Every structure is written in structure tokens, then in C-alpha cells.
PDB file of all heavy atoms in Angstrom:
ATOM      1  N   ILE A   1     -73.681 165.469 -69.004  1.00  0.00           N
ATOM      2  CA  ILE A   1     -74.208 164.120 -68.682  1.00  0.00           C
ATOM      3  C   ILE A   1     -73.687 163.094 -69.658  1.00  0.00           C
ATOM      4  O   ILE A   1     -73.293 161.972 -69.267  1.00  0.00           O
ATOM      5  CB  ILE A   1     -75.749 164.172 -68.695  1.00  0.00           C
ATOM      6  CG1 ILE A   1     -76.269 164.980 -67.463  1.00  0.00           C
ATOM      7  CG2 ILE A   1     -76.319 162.733 -68.625  1.00  0.00           C
ATOM      8  CD1 ILE A   1     -77.753 165.260 -67.515  1.00  0.00           C
ATOM      9  N   GLU A   2     -73.669 163.463 -70.964  1.00  0.00           N
ATOM     10  CA  GLU A   2     -73.154 162.526 -71.982  1.00  0.00           C
ATOM     11  C   GLU A   2     -71.696 162.198 -71.704  1.00  0.00           C
ATOM     12  O   GLU A   2     -71.275 161.039 -71.864  1.00  0.00           O
ATOM     13  CB  GLU A   2     -73.317 163.173 -73.342  1.00  0.00           C
ATOM     14  CG  GLU A   2     -73.051 162.238 -74.511  1.00  0.00           C
ATOM     15  CD  GLU A   2     -74.147 161.231 -74.741  1.00  0.00           C
ATOM     16  OE1 GLU A   2     -75.245 161.422 -74.227  1.00  0.00           O
ATOM     17  OE2 GLU A   2     -73.862 160.237 -75.444  1.00  0.00           O
ATOM     18  N   GLU A   3     -70.907 163.192 -71.342  1.00  0.00           N
ATOM     19  CA  GLU A   3     -69.494 162.940 -71.067  1.00  0.00           C
ATOM     20  C   GLU A   3     -69.316 162.044 -69.861  1.00  0.00           C
ATOM     21  O   GLU A   3     -68.449 161.133 -69.833  1.00  0.00           O
ATOM     22  CB  GLU A   3     -68.773 164.281 -70.824  1.00  0.00           C
ATOM     23  CG  GLU A   3     -68.648 165.124 -72.100  1.00  0.00           C
ATOM     24  CD  GLU A   3     -68.097 166.511 -71.847  1.00  0.00           C
ATOM     25  OE1 GLU A   3     -67.980 166.867 -70.625  1.00  0.00           O
ATOM     26  OE2 GLU A   3     -67.745 167.207 -72.787  1.00  0.00           O
ATOM     27  N   LEU A   4     -70.124 162.235 -68.832  1.00  0.00           N
ATOM     28  CA  LEU A   4     -70.053 161.354 -67.651  1.00  0.00           C
ATOM     29  C   LEU A   4     -70.424 159.921 -68.026  1.00  0.00           C
ATOM     30  O   LEU A   4     -69.817 158.955 -67.549  1.00  0.00           O
ATOM     31  CB  LEU A   4     -70.976 161.881 -66.568  1.00  0.00           C
ATOM     32  CG  LEU A   4     -70.512 163.183 -65.830  1.00  0.00           C
ATOM     33  CD1 LEU A   4     -71.589 163.652 -64.923  1.00  0.00           C
ATOM     34  CD2 LEU A   4     -69.210 162.910 -65.101  1.00  0.00           C
ATOM     35  N   LYS A   5     -71.440 159.781 -68.885  1.00  0.00           N
ATOM     36  CA  LYS A   5     -71.825 158.448 -69.355  1.00  0.00           C
ATOM     37  C   LYS A   5     -70.683 157.790 -70.095  1.00  0.00           C
ATOM     38  O   LYS A   5     -70.450 156.585 -69.990  1.00  0.00           O
ATOM     39  CB  LYS A   5     -73.080 158.532 -70.207  1.00  0.00           C
ATOM     40  CG  LYS A   5     -74.354 158.812 -69.453  1.00  0.00           C
ATOM     41  CD  LYS A   5     -75.565 158.868 -70.393  1.00  0.00           C
ATOM     42  CE  LYS A   5     -76.863 159.112 -69.623  1.00  0.00           C
ATOM     43  NZ  LYS A   5     -78.018 159.186 -70.576  1.00  0.00           N
ATOM     44  N   ASP A   6     -69.984 158.608 -70.908  1.00  0.00           N
ATOM     45  CA  ASP A   6     -68.826 158.054 -71.654  1.00  0.00           C
ATOM     46  C   ASP A   6     -67.760 157.544 -70.705  1.00  0.00           C
ATOM     47  O   ASP A   6     -67.193 156.484 -70.917  1.00  0.00           O
ATOM     48  CB  ASP A   6     -68.226 159.132 -72.551  1.00  0.00           C
ATOM     49  CG  ASP A   6     -69.153 159.475 -73.749  1.00  0.00           C
ATOM     50  OD1 ASP A   6     -70.104 158.713 -73.980  1.00  0.00           O
ATOM     51  OD2 ASP A   6     -68.889 160.499 -74.408  1.00  0.00           O
ATOM     52  N   GLU A   7     -67.480 158.324 -69.657  1.00  0.00           N
ATOM     53  CA  GLU A   7     -66.468 157.873 -68.701  1.00  0.00           C
ATOM     54  C   GLU A   7     -66.909 156.599 -67.979  1.00  0.00           C
ATOM     55  O   GLU A   7     -66.124 155.676 -67.770  1.00  0.00           O
ATOM     56  CB  GLU A   7     -66.241 158.996 -67.647  1.00  0.00           C
ATOM     57  CG  GLU A   7     -65.550 160.217 -68.240  1.00  0.00           C
ATOM     58  CD  GLU A   7     -64.165 159.897 -68.794  1.00  0.00           C
ATOM     59  OE1 GLU A   7     -63.464 159.046 -68.153  1.00  0.00           O
ATOM     60  OE2 GLU A   7     -63.804 160.416 -69.841  1.00  0.00           O
ATOM     61  N   ARG A   8     -68.190 156.522 -67.635  1.00  0.00           N
ATOM     62  CA  ARG A   8     -68.726 155.288 -67.019  1.00  0.00           C
ATOM     63  C   ARG A   8     -68.554 154.111 -67.970  1.00  0.00           C
ATOM     64  O   ARG A   8     -68.165 153.015 -67.558  1.00  0.00           O
ATOM     65  CB  ARG A   8     -70.193 155.506 -66.676  1.00  0.00           C
ATOM     66  CG  ARG A   8     -70.845 154.265 -65.982  1.00  0.00           C
ATOM     67  CD  ARG A   8     -72.339 154.312 -66.051  1.00  0.00           C
ATOM     68  NE  ARG A   8     -72.802 154.323 -67.424  1.00  0.00           N
ATOM     69  CZ  ARG A   8     -74.080 154.490 -67.763  1.00  0.00           C
ATOM     70  NH1 ARG A   8     -74.994 154.752 -66.830  1.00  0.00           N
ATOM     71  NH2 ARG A   8     -74.433 154.482 -69.031  1.00  0.00           N
ATOM     72  N   ASP A   9     -68.896 154.373 -69.253  1.00  0.00           N
ATOM     73  CA  ASP A   9     -68.790 153.310 -70.235  1.00  0.00           C
ATOM     74  C   ASP A   9     -67.388 152.792 -70.377  1.00  0.00           C
ATOM     75  O   ASP A   9     -67.138 151.584 -70.444  1.00  0.00           O
ATOM     76  CB  ASP A   9     -69.295 153.845 -71.586  1.00  0.00           C
ATOM     77  CG  ASP A   9     -69.061 152.857 -72.705  1.00  0.00           C
ATOM     78  OD1 ASP A   9     -69.523 151.725 -72.589  1.00  0.00           O
ATOM     79  OD2 ASP A   9     -68.393 153.242 -73.692  1.00  0.00           O
ATOM     80  N   ARG A  10     -66.417 153.697 -70.369  1.00  0.00           N
ATOM     81  CA  ARG A  10     -65.008 153.302 -70.479  1.00  0.00           C
ATOM     82  C   ARG A  10     -64.596 152.435 -69.307  1.00  0.00           C
ATOM     83  O   ARG A  10     -63.931 151.412 -69.451  1.00  0.00           O
ATOM     84  CB  ARG A  10     -64.118 154.539 -70.602  1.00  0.00           C
ATOM     85  CG  ARG A  10     -62.652 154.193 -70.743  1.00  0.00           C
ATOM     86  CD  ARG A  10     -61.803 155.447 -70.839  1.00  0.00           C
ATOM     87  NE  ARG A  10     -62.033 156.145 -72.073  1.00  0.00           N
ATOM     88  CZ  ARG A  10     -61.293 157.210 -72.479  1.00  0.00           C
ATOM     89  NH1 ARG A  10     -60.301 157.657 -71.731  1.00  0.00           N
ATOM     90  NH2 ARG A  10     -61.561 157.817 -73.599  1.00  0.00           N
ATOM     91  N   ALA A  11     -64.987 152.882 -68.096  1.00  0.00           N
ATOM     92  CA  ALA A  11     -64.633 152.117 -66.908  1.00  0.00           C
ATOM     93  C   ALA A  11     -65.287 150.726 -66.902  1.00  0.00           C
ATOM     94  O   ALA A  11     -64.672 149.719 -66.578  1.00  0.00           O
ATOM     95  CB  ALA A  11     -65.034 152.883 -65.647  1.00  0.00           C
ATOM     96  N   GLN A  12     -66.578 150.666 -67.308  1.00  0.00           N
ATOM     97  CA  GLN A  12     -67.245 149.398 -67.360  1.00  0.00           C
ATOM     98  C   GLN A  12     -66.650 148.473 -68.364  1.00  0.00           C
ATOM     99  O   GLN A  12     -66.460 147.268 -68.160  1.00  0.00           O
ATOM    100  CB  GLN A  12     -68.739 149.597 -67.683  1.00  0.00           C
ATOM    101  CG  GLN A  12     -69.549 150.211 -66.552  1.00  0.00           C
ATOM    102  CD  GLN A  12     -70.991 150.424 -66.926  1.00  0.00           C
ATOM    103  OE1 GLN A  12     -71.323 150.538 -68.099  1.00  0.00           O
ATOM    104  NE2 GLN A  12     -71.880 150.530 -65.917  1.00  0.00           N
ATOM    105  N   ALA A  13     -66.304 149.036 -69.540  1.00  0.00           N
ATOM    106  CA  ALA A  13     -65.695 148.182 -70.605  1.00  0.00           C
ATOM    107  C   ALA A  13     -64.355 147.597 -70.153  1.00  0.00           C
ATOM    108  O   ALA A  13     -64.065 146.441 -70.383  1.00  0.00           O
ATOM    109  CB  ALA A  13     -65.519 149.017 -71.861  1.00  0.00           C
ATOM    110  N   GLN A  14     -63.565 148.427 -69.461  1.00  0.00           N
ATOM    111  CA  GLN A  14     -62.281 147.932 -69.000  1.00  0.00           C
ATOM    112  C   GLN A  14     -62.461 146.842 -67.927  1.00  0.00           C
ATOM    113  O   GLN A  14     -61.764 145.822 -67.928  1.00  0.00           O
ATOM    114  CB  GLN A  14     -61.422 149.082 -68.461  1.00  0.00           C
ATOM    115  CG  GLN A  14     -60.015 148.634 -68.050  1.00  0.00           C
ATOM    116  CD  GLN A  14     -59.107 149.819 -67.845  1.00  0.00           C
ATOM    117  OE1 GLN A  14     -59.407 150.951 -68.248  1.00  0.00           O
ATOM    118  NE2 GLN A  14     -57.984 149.596 -67.206  1.00  0.00           N
ATOM    119  N   ALA A  15     -63.392 147.079 -66.996  1.00  0.00           N
ATOM    120  CA  ALA A  15     -63.634 146.083 -65.957  1.00  0.00           C
ATOM    121  C   ALA A  15     -64.136 144.769 -66.556  1.00  0.00           C
ATOM    122  O   ALA A  15     -63.694 143.681 -66.144  1.00  0.00           O
ATOM    123  CB  ALA A  15     -64.659 146.610 -64.960  1.00  0.00           C
ATOM    124  N   GLN A  16     -65.015 144.843 -67.549  1.00  0.00           N
ATOM    125  CA  GLN A  16     -65.529 143.637 -68.193  1.00  0.00           C
ATOM    126  C   GLN A  16     -64.428 142.933 -68.965  1.00  0.00           C
ATOM    127  O   GLN A  16     -64.420 141.694 -69.052  1.00  0.00           O
ATOM    128  CB  GLN A  16     -66.732 143.996 -69.060  1.00  0.00           C
ATOM    129  CG  GLN A  16     -67.969 144.354 -68.261  1.00  0.00           C
ATOM    130  CD  GLN A  16     -69.030 144.992 -69.092  1.00  0.00           C
ATOM    131  OE1 GLN A  16     -68.851 145.213 -70.279  1.00  0.00           O
ATOM    132  NE2 GLN A  16     -70.148 145.310 -68.463  1.00  0.00           N
ATOM    133  N   GLU A  17     -63.559 143.697 -69.586  1.00  0.00           N
ATOM    134  CA  GLU A  17     -62.461 143.097 -70.327  1.00  0.00           C
ATOM    135  C   GLU A  17     -61.536 142.340 -69.388  1.00  0.00           C
ATOM    136  O   GLU A  17     -61.068 141.235 -69.669  1.00  0.00           O
ATOM    137  CB  GLU A  17     -61.691 144.187 -71.087  1.00  0.00           C
ATOM    138  CG  GLU A  17     -60.598 143.624 -71.976  1.00  0.00           C
ATOM    139  CD  GLU A  17     -61.130 142.742 -73.082  1.00  0.00           C
ATOM    140  OE1 GLU A  17     -62.269 142.922 -73.525  1.00  0.00           O
ATOM    141  OE2 GLU A  17     -60.374 141.852 -73.547  1.00  0.00           O
ATOM    142  N   LEU A  18     -61.271 142.921 -68.226  1.00  0.00           N
ATOM    143  CA  LEU A  18     -60.451 142.248 -67.231  1.00  0.00           C
ATOM    144  C   LEU A  18     -61.101 140.968 -66.753  1.00  0.00           C
ATOM    145  O   LEU A  18     -60.436 139.936 -66.604  1.00  0.00           O
ATOM    146  CB  LEU A  18     -60.177 143.179 -66.050  1.00  0.00           C
ATOM    147  CG  LEU A  18     -59.232 144.374 -66.334  1.00  0.00           C
ATOM    148  CD1 LEU A  18     -59.280 145.370 -65.179  1.00  0.00           C
ATOM    149  CD2 LEU A  18     -57.803 143.886 -66.536  1.00  0.00           C
ATOM    150  N   ALA A  19     -62.413 141.066 -66.494  1.00  0.00           N
ATOM    151  CA  ALA A  19     -63.123 139.859 -66.022  1.00  0.00           C
ATOM    152  C   ALA A  19     -63.113 138.760 -67.084  1.00  0.00           C
ATOM    153  O   ALA A  19     -62.929 137.603 -66.810  1.00  0.00           O
ATOM    154  CB  ALA A  19     -64.562 140.228 -65.689  1.00  0.00           C
ATOM    155  N   LYS A  20     -63.302 139.167 -68.353  1.00  0.00           N
ATOM    156  CA  LYS A  20     -63.302 138.201 -69.433  1.00  0.00           C
ATOM    157  C   LYS A  20     -61.900 137.559 -69.588  1.00  0.00           C
ATOM    158  O   LYS A  20     -61.766 136.367 -69.871  1.00  0.00           O
ATOM    159  CB  LYS A  20     -63.712 138.860 -70.751  1.00  0.00           C
ATOM    160  CG  LYS A  20     -63.942 137.874 -71.919  1.00  0.00           C
ATOM    161  CD  LYS A  20     -64.430 138.621 -73.137  1.00  0.00           C
ATOM    162  CE  LYS A  20     -65.813 139.127 -72.963  1.00  0.00           C
ATOM    163  NZ  LYS A  20     -66.778 137.990 -72.944  1.00  0.00           N
ATOM    164  N   ALA A  21     -60.868 138.384 -69.417  1.00  0.00           N
ATOM    165  CA  ALA A  21     -59.511 137.869 -69.523  1.00  0.00           C
ATOM    166  C   ALA A  21     -59.229 136.815 -68.452  1.00  0.00           C
ATOM    167  O   ALA A  21     -58.621 135.796 -68.712  1.00  0.00           O
ATOM    168  CB  ALA A  21     -58.513 139.030 -69.440  1.00  0.00           C
ATOM    169  N   LEU A  22     -59.728 137.102 -67.236  1.00  0.00           N
ATOM    170  CA  LEU A  22     -59.514 136.130 -66.150  1.00  0.00           C
ATOM    171  C   LEU A  22     -60.300 134.817 -66.453  1.00  0.00           C
ATOM    172  O   LEU A  22     -59.786 133.735 -66.229  1.00  0.00           O
ATOM    173  CB  LEU A  22     -59.996 136.728 -64.856  1.00  0.00           C
ATOM    174  CG  LEU A  22     -59.144 137.878 -64.286  1.00  0.00           C
ATOM    175  CD1 LEU A  22     -59.846 138.510 -63.064  1.00  0.00           C
ATOM    176  CD2 LEU A  22     -57.770 137.364 -63.910  1.00  0.00           C
ATOM    177  N   ALA A  23     -61.492 134.982 -67.013  1.00  0.00           N
ATOM    178  CA  ALA A  23     -62.302 133.792 -67.286  1.00  0.00           C
ATOM    179  C   ALA A  23     -61.697 132.891 -68.338  1.00  0.00           C
ATOM    180  O   ALA A  23     -61.789 131.667 -68.255  1.00  0.00           O
ATOM    181  CB  ALA A  23     -63.714 134.246 -67.734  1.00  0.00           C
ATOM    182  N   PHE A  24     -61.048 133.518 -69.341  1.00  0.00           N
ATOM    183  CA  PHE A  24     -60.483 132.708 -70.436  1.00  0.00           C
ATOM    184  C   PHE A  24     -58.969 132.503 -70.292  1.00  0.00           C
ATOM    185  O   PHE A  24     -58.358 131.907 -71.163  1.00  0.00           O
ATOM    186  CB  PHE A  24     -60.780 133.407 -71.781  1.00  0.00           C
ATOM    187  CG  PHE A  24     -62.210 133.266 -72.207  1.00  0.00           C
ATOM    188  CD1 PHE A  24     -63.084 134.329 -71.983  1.00  0.00           C
ATOM    189  CD2 PHE A  24     -62.677 132.121 -72.805  1.00  0.00           C
ATOM    190  CE1 PHE A  24     -64.408 134.225 -72.378  1.00  0.00           C
ATOM    191  CE2 PHE A  24     -63.999 132.026 -73.196  1.00  0.00           C
ATOM    192  CZ  PHE A  24     -64.874 133.087 -72.988  1.00  0.00           C
ATOM    193  N   GLY A  25     -58.430 132.982 -69.202  1.00  0.00           N
ATOM    194  CA  GLY A  25     -57.004 132.724 -68.926  1.00  0.00           C
ATOM    195  C   GLY A  25     -56.069 133.398 -69.898  1.00  0.00           C
ATOM    196  O   GLY A  25     -55.052 132.837 -70.271  1.00  0.00           O
ATOM    197  N   ARG A  26     -56.395 134.562 -70.414  1.00  0.00           N
ATOM    198  CA  ARG A  26     -55.552 135.255 -71.378  1.00  0.00           C
ATOM    199  C   ARG A  26     -55.269 136.673 -70.860  1.00  0.00           C
ATOM    200  O   ARG A  26     -56.017 137.208 -70.045  1.00  0.00           O
ATOM    201  CB  ARG A  26     -56.188 135.344 -72.756  1.00  0.00           C
ATOM    202  CG  ARG A  26     -57.531 136.047 -72.780  1.00  0.00           C
ATOM    203  CD  ARG A  26     -58.127 136.015 -74.165  1.00  0.00           C
ATOM    204  NE  ARG A  26     -59.470 136.591 -74.162  1.00  0.00           N
ATOM    205  CZ  ARG A  26     -59.717 137.893 -74.271  1.00  0.00           C
ATOM    206  NH1 ARG A  26     -58.729 138.747 -74.378  1.00  0.00           N
ATOM    207  NH2 ARG A  26     -60.982 138.337 -74.303  1.00  0.00           N
ATOM    208  N   PRO A  27     -54.202 137.307 -71.330  1.00  0.00           N
ATOM    209  CA  PRO A  27     -53.873 138.675 -70.909  1.00  0.00           C
ATOM    210  C   PRO A  27     -55.011 139.622 -71.293  1.00  0.00           C
ATOM    211  O   PRO A  27     -55.584 139.500 -72.355  1.00  0.00           O
ATOM    212  CB  PRO A  27     -52.572 139.018 -71.704  1.00  0.00           C
ATOM    213  CG  PRO A  27     -52.008 137.670 -72.082  1.00  0.00           C
ATOM    214  CD  PRO A  27     -53.192 136.764 -72.266  1.00  0.00           C
ATOM    215  N   ALA A  28     -55.273 140.541 -70.432  1.00  0.00           N
ATOM    216  CA  ALA A  28     -56.302 141.514 -70.683  1.00  0.00           C
ATOM    217  C   ALA A  28     -55.873 142.563 -71.701  1.00  0.00           C
ATOM    218  O   ALA A  28     -54.729 143.002 -71.671  1.00  0.00           O
ATOM    219  CB  ALA A  28     -56.733 142.222 -69.383  1.00  0.00           C
ATOM    220  N   GLU A  29     -56.813 142.973 -72.572  1.00  0.00           N
ATOM    221  CA  GLU A  29     -56.550 144.061 -73.517  1.00  0.00           C
ATOM    222  C   GLU A  29     -57.175 145.297 -72.953  1.00  0.00           C
ATOM    223  O   GLU A  29     -58.321 145.625 -73.275  1.00  0.00           O
ATOM    224  CB  GLU A  29     -57.109 143.728 -74.906  1.00  0.00           C
ATOM    225  CG  GLU A  29     -56.542 142.499 -75.508  1.00  0.00           C
ATOM    226  CD  GLU A  29     -57.171 142.198 -76.857  1.00  0.00           C
ATOM    227  OE1 GLU A  29     -57.135 143.038 -77.778  1.00  0.00           O
ATOM    228  OE2 GLU A  29     -57.777 141.119 -76.974  1.00  0.00           O
ATOM    229  N   VAL A  30     -56.445 145.970 -72.105  1.00  0.00           N
ATOM    230  CA  VAL A  30     -57.018 147.171 -71.460  1.00  0.00           C
ATOM    231  C   VAL A  30     -56.812 148.394 -72.351  1.00  0.00           C
ATOM    232  O   VAL A  30     -56.150 148.362 -73.367  1.00  0.00           O
ATOM    233  CB  VAL A  30     -56.380 147.385 -70.041  1.00  0.00           C
ATOM    234  CG1 VAL A  30     -56.689 146.215 -69.160  1.00  0.00           C
ATOM    235  CG2 VAL A  30     -54.852 147.548 -70.196  1.00  0.00           C
ATOM    236  N   ASP A  31     -57.431 149.495 -71.952  1.00  0.00           N
ATOM    237  CA  ASP A  31     -57.430 150.696 -72.722  1.00  0.00           C
ATOM    238  C   ASP A  31     -56.073 151.371 -72.589  1.00  0.00           C
ATOM    239  O   ASP A  31     -55.868 152.264 -71.759  1.00  0.00           O
ATOM    240  CB  ASP A  31     -58.546 151.610 -72.237  1.00  0.00           C
ATOM    241  CG  ASP A  31     -58.691 152.851 -73.107  1.00  0.00           C
ATOM    242  OD1 ASP A  31     -58.061 152.860 -74.168  1.00  0.00           O
ATOM    243  OD2 ASP A  31     -59.427 153.749 -72.699  1.00  0.00           O
ATOM    244  N   VAL A  32     -55.106 150.990 -73.436  1.00  0.00           N
ATOM    245  CA  VAL A  32     -53.771 151.518 -73.388  1.00  0.00           C
ATOM    246  C   VAL A  32     -53.503 152.223 -74.722  1.00  0.00           C
ATOM    247  O   VAL A  32     -53.802 151.695 -75.768  1.00  0.00           O
ATOM    248  CB  VAL A  32     -52.723 150.376 -73.183  1.00  0.00           C
ATOM    249  CG1 VAL A  32     -51.305 150.953 -73.200  1.00  0.00           C
ATOM    250  CG2 VAL A  32     -52.997 149.657 -71.867  1.00  0.00           C
ATOM    251  N   GLU A  33     -52.922 153.399 -74.675  1.00  0.00           N
ATOM    252  CA  GLU A  33     -52.617 154.124 -75.895  1.00  0.00           C
ATOM    253  C   GLU A  33     -51.561 153.383 -76.698  1.00  0.00           C
ATOM    254  O   GLU A  33     -50.652 152.764 -76.160  1.00  0.00           O
ATOM    255  CB  GLU A  33     -52.077 155.530 -75.515  1.00  0.00           C
ATOM    256  CG  GLU A  33     -53.075 156.369 -74.734  1.00  0.00           C
ATOM    257  CD  GLU A  33     -54.307 156.712 -75.538  1.00  0.00           C
ATOM    258  OE1 GLU A  33     -54.219 156.631 -76.782  1.00  0.00           O
ATOM    259  OE2 GLU A  33     -55.318 157.047 -74.954  1.00  0.00           O
ATOM    260  N   THR A  34     -51.647 153.471 -78.039  1.00  0.00           N
ATOM    261  CA  THR A  34     -50.677 152.813 -78.887  1.00  0.00           C
ATOM    262  C   THR A  34     -49.414 153.670 -79.007  1.00  0.00           C
ATOM    263  O   THR A  34     -48.439 153.246 -79.622  1.00  0.00           O
ATOM    264  CB  THR A  34     -51.276 152.614 -80.278  1.00  0.00           C
ATOM    265  OG1 THR A  34     -51.698 153.881 -80.799  1.00  0.00           O
ATOM    266  CG2 THR A  34     -52.454 151.646 -80.229  1.00  0.00           C
TER     267      THR A  34
END
């Protein structure tokens, strides 16, 4: 259950980052490996 919550959290964080990027007109900082 904890692992599933982590996956949900990651997806939500990425979606919110994309939404924030659109709102402020800047490139999104998505979860990309360095």
C-alpha cells in the first residue's frame, strides 16, 4: 500500500508541476533522471 501511495504521489507531483509550469509560462521540471 505504501509503495502504491508513493507511485500516486509521484504522478500527482509531476501533474502539478506541469500545471504550474503552464500557469507561469515556464518549462516544466518533470521527473527526469540526471
